[in-house]
Amino acid sequence: MPNIVNLDVMMANRKISLNELSVRVDLTISNLSILKNGKANAQVQD
């Protein structure tokens, strides 16, 4: 079952920019953009 988090909504609720979030969570802006736009792929190993 996929976990779905809408970063746009969460960021708006907390009044935080993508730049500020990237600093706080120590991810690049490009990686956050991939997550925010739902383009991220993950593989689960058994």
N, C-alpha and C. Protein backbone atom coordinates (compact mmCIF):
# COMPACT_ATOMS: atom_id res chain seq x y z
N MET A 1 0.85 -1.17 0.00
CA MET A 1 0.00 0.00 0.00
C MET A 1 0.90 1.25 0.00
N PRO A 2 0.69 2.16 -0.93
CA PRO A 2 1.55 3.35 -0.99
C PRO A 2 1.23 4.35 0.11
N ASN A 3 2.26 5.02 0.56
CA ASN A 3 2.08 6.13 1.49
C ASN A 3 1.98 7.40 0.65
N ILE A 4 0.92 8.18 0.85
CA ILE A 4 0.72 9.39 0.07
C ILE A 4 0.74 10.59 0.99
N VAL A 5 1.66 11.49 0.72
CA VAL A 5 1.76 12.74 1.49
C VAL A 5 1.78 13.87 0.48
N ASN A 6 0.89 14.82 0.65
CA ASN A 6 0.85 15.96 -0.26
C ASN A 6 1.70 17.07 0.34
N LEU A 7 2.93 17.19 -0.16
CA LEU A 7 3.86 18.18 0.38
C LEU A 7 3.36 19.60 0.19
N ASP A 8 2.68 19.87 -0.92
CA ASP A 8 2.15 21.22 -1.14
C ASP A 8 1.22 21.63 -0.01
N VAL A 9 0.33 20.73 0.37
CA VAL A 9 -0.63 21.03 1.44
C VAL A 9 0.08 21.20 2.77
N MET A 10 0.99 20.27 3.07
CA MET A 10 1.71 20.35 4.34
C MET A 10 2.55 21.62 4.43
N MET A 11 3.21 21.98 3.33
CA MET A 11 4.04 23.18 3.32
C MET A 11 3.17 24.44 3.46
N ALA A 12 2.02 24.45 2.82
CA ALA A 12 1.12 25.60 2.93
C ALA A 12 0.59 25.74 4.35
N ASN A 13 0.21 24.62 4.96
CA ASN A 13 -0.30 24.65 6.33
C ASN A 13 0.75 25.19 7.30
N ARG A 14 1.99 24.86 7.06
CA ARG A 14 3.07 25.27 7.96
C ARG A 14 3.78 26.54 7.51
N LYS A 15 3.33 27.09 6.37
CA LYS A 15 3.90 28.32 5.81
C LYS A 15 5.41 28.22 5.67
N ILE A 16 5.83 27.20 4.96
CA ILE A 16 7.25 26.93 4.77
C ILE A 16 7.52 26.81 3.26
N SER A 17 8.64 27.33 2.83
CA SER A 17 9.01 27.26 1.41
C SER A 17 9.78 25.97 1.14
N LEU A 18 9.90 25.64 -0.14
CA LEU A 18 10.66 24.46 -0.53
C LEU A 18 12.12 24.63 -0.14
N ASN A 19 12.65 25.84 -0.26
CA ASN A 19 14.03 26.10 0.14
C ASN A 19 14.24 25.85 1.63
N GLU A 20 13.33 26.36 2.45
CA GLU A 20 13.45 26.18 3.90
C GLU A 20 13.32 24.71 4.28
N LEU A 21 12.38 24.02 3.65
CA LEU A 21 12.20 22.60 3.92
C LEU A 21 13.45 21.81 3.56
N SER A 22 14.06 22.15 2.43
CA SER A 22 15.27 21.43 2.01
C SER A 22 16.40 21.59 3.03
N VAL A 23 16.52 22.76 3.61
CA VAL A 23 17.54 22.98 4.64
C VAL A 23 17.21 22.19 5.90
N ARG A 24 15.94 22.21 6.29
CA ARG A 24 15.54 21.54 7.53
C ARG A 24 15.69 20.02 7.46
N VAL A 25 15.40 19.43 6.31
CA VAL A 25 15.45 17.97 6.21
C VAL A 25 16.73 17.47 5.53
N ASP A 26 17.58 18.38 5.13
CA ASP A 26 18.87 18.06 4.52
C ASP A 26 18.73 17.24 3.25
N LEU A 27 17.83 17.69 2.37
CA LEU A 27 17.68 17.12 1.03
C LEU A 27 17.83 18.25 0.03
N THR A 28 18.27 17.90 -1.16
CA THR A 28 18.39 18.94 -2.18
C THR A 28 16.99 19.36 -2.65
N ILE A 29 16.93 20.56 -3.19
CA ILE A 29 15.66 21.06 -3.71
C ILE A 29 15.17 20.18 -4.85
N SER A 30 16.09 19.70 -5.68
CA SER A 30 15.68 18.83 -6.80
C SER A 30 15.06 17.53 -6.30
N ASN A 31 15.62 16.93 -5.26
CA ASN A 31 15.04 15.70 -4.70
C ASN A 31 13.69 15.97 -4.06
N LEU A 32 13.55 17.09 -3.38
CA LEU A 32 12.25 17.44 -2.81
C LEU A 32 11.22 17.68 -3.91
N SER A 33 11.62 18.28 -5.00
CA SER A 33 10.71 18.51 -6.12
C SER A 33 10.21 17.19 -6.69
N ILE A 34 11.11 16.22 -6.80
CA ILE A 34 10.73 14.89 -7.28
C ILE A 34 9.69 14.28 -6.35
N LEU A 35 9.91 14.39 -5.06
CA LEU A 35 8.94 13.87 -4.08
C LEU A 35 7.63 14.63 -4.15
N LYS A 36 7.73 15.95 -4.25
CA LYS A 36 6.54 16.81 -4.24
C LYS A 36 5.67 16.55 -5.46
N ASN A 37 6.28 16.26 -6.60
CA ASN A 37 5.53 16.05 -7.83
C ASN A 37 5.12 14.60 -8.07
N GLY A 38 5.44 13.74 -7.11
CA GLY A 38 5.02 12.34 -7.21
C GLY A 38 5.82 11.55 -8.23
N LYS A 39 7.01 11.99 -8.56
CA LYS A 39 7.83 11.30 -9.56
C LYS A 39 8.82 10.32 -8.94
N ALA A 40 8.84 10.21 -7.62
CA ALA A 40 9.80 9.34 -6.94
C ALA A 40 9.42 7.88 -7.11
N ASN A 41 10.43 7.06 -7.27
CA ASN A 41 10.25 5.61 -7.36
C ASN A 41 11.06 4.96 -6.25
N ALA A 42 10.49 3.96 -5.64
CA ALA A 42 11.19 3.23 -4.60
C ALA A 42 11.05 1.74 -4.87
N GLN A 43 12.10 1.02 -4.59
CA GLN A 43 12.06 -0.43 -4.73
C GLN A 43 12.22 -1.05 -3.36
N VAL A 44 11.37 -2.02 -3.07
CA VAL A 44 11.41 -2.72 -1.80
C VAL A 44 12.11 -4.05 -2.00
N GLN A 45 13.10 -4.29 -1.15
CA GLN A 45 13.82 -5.56 -1.24
C GLN A 45 13.21 -6.54 -0.25
N ASP A 46 13.06 -7.78 -0.71
CA ASP A 46 12.51 -8.82 0.17
C ASP A 46 13.59 -9.48 0.98
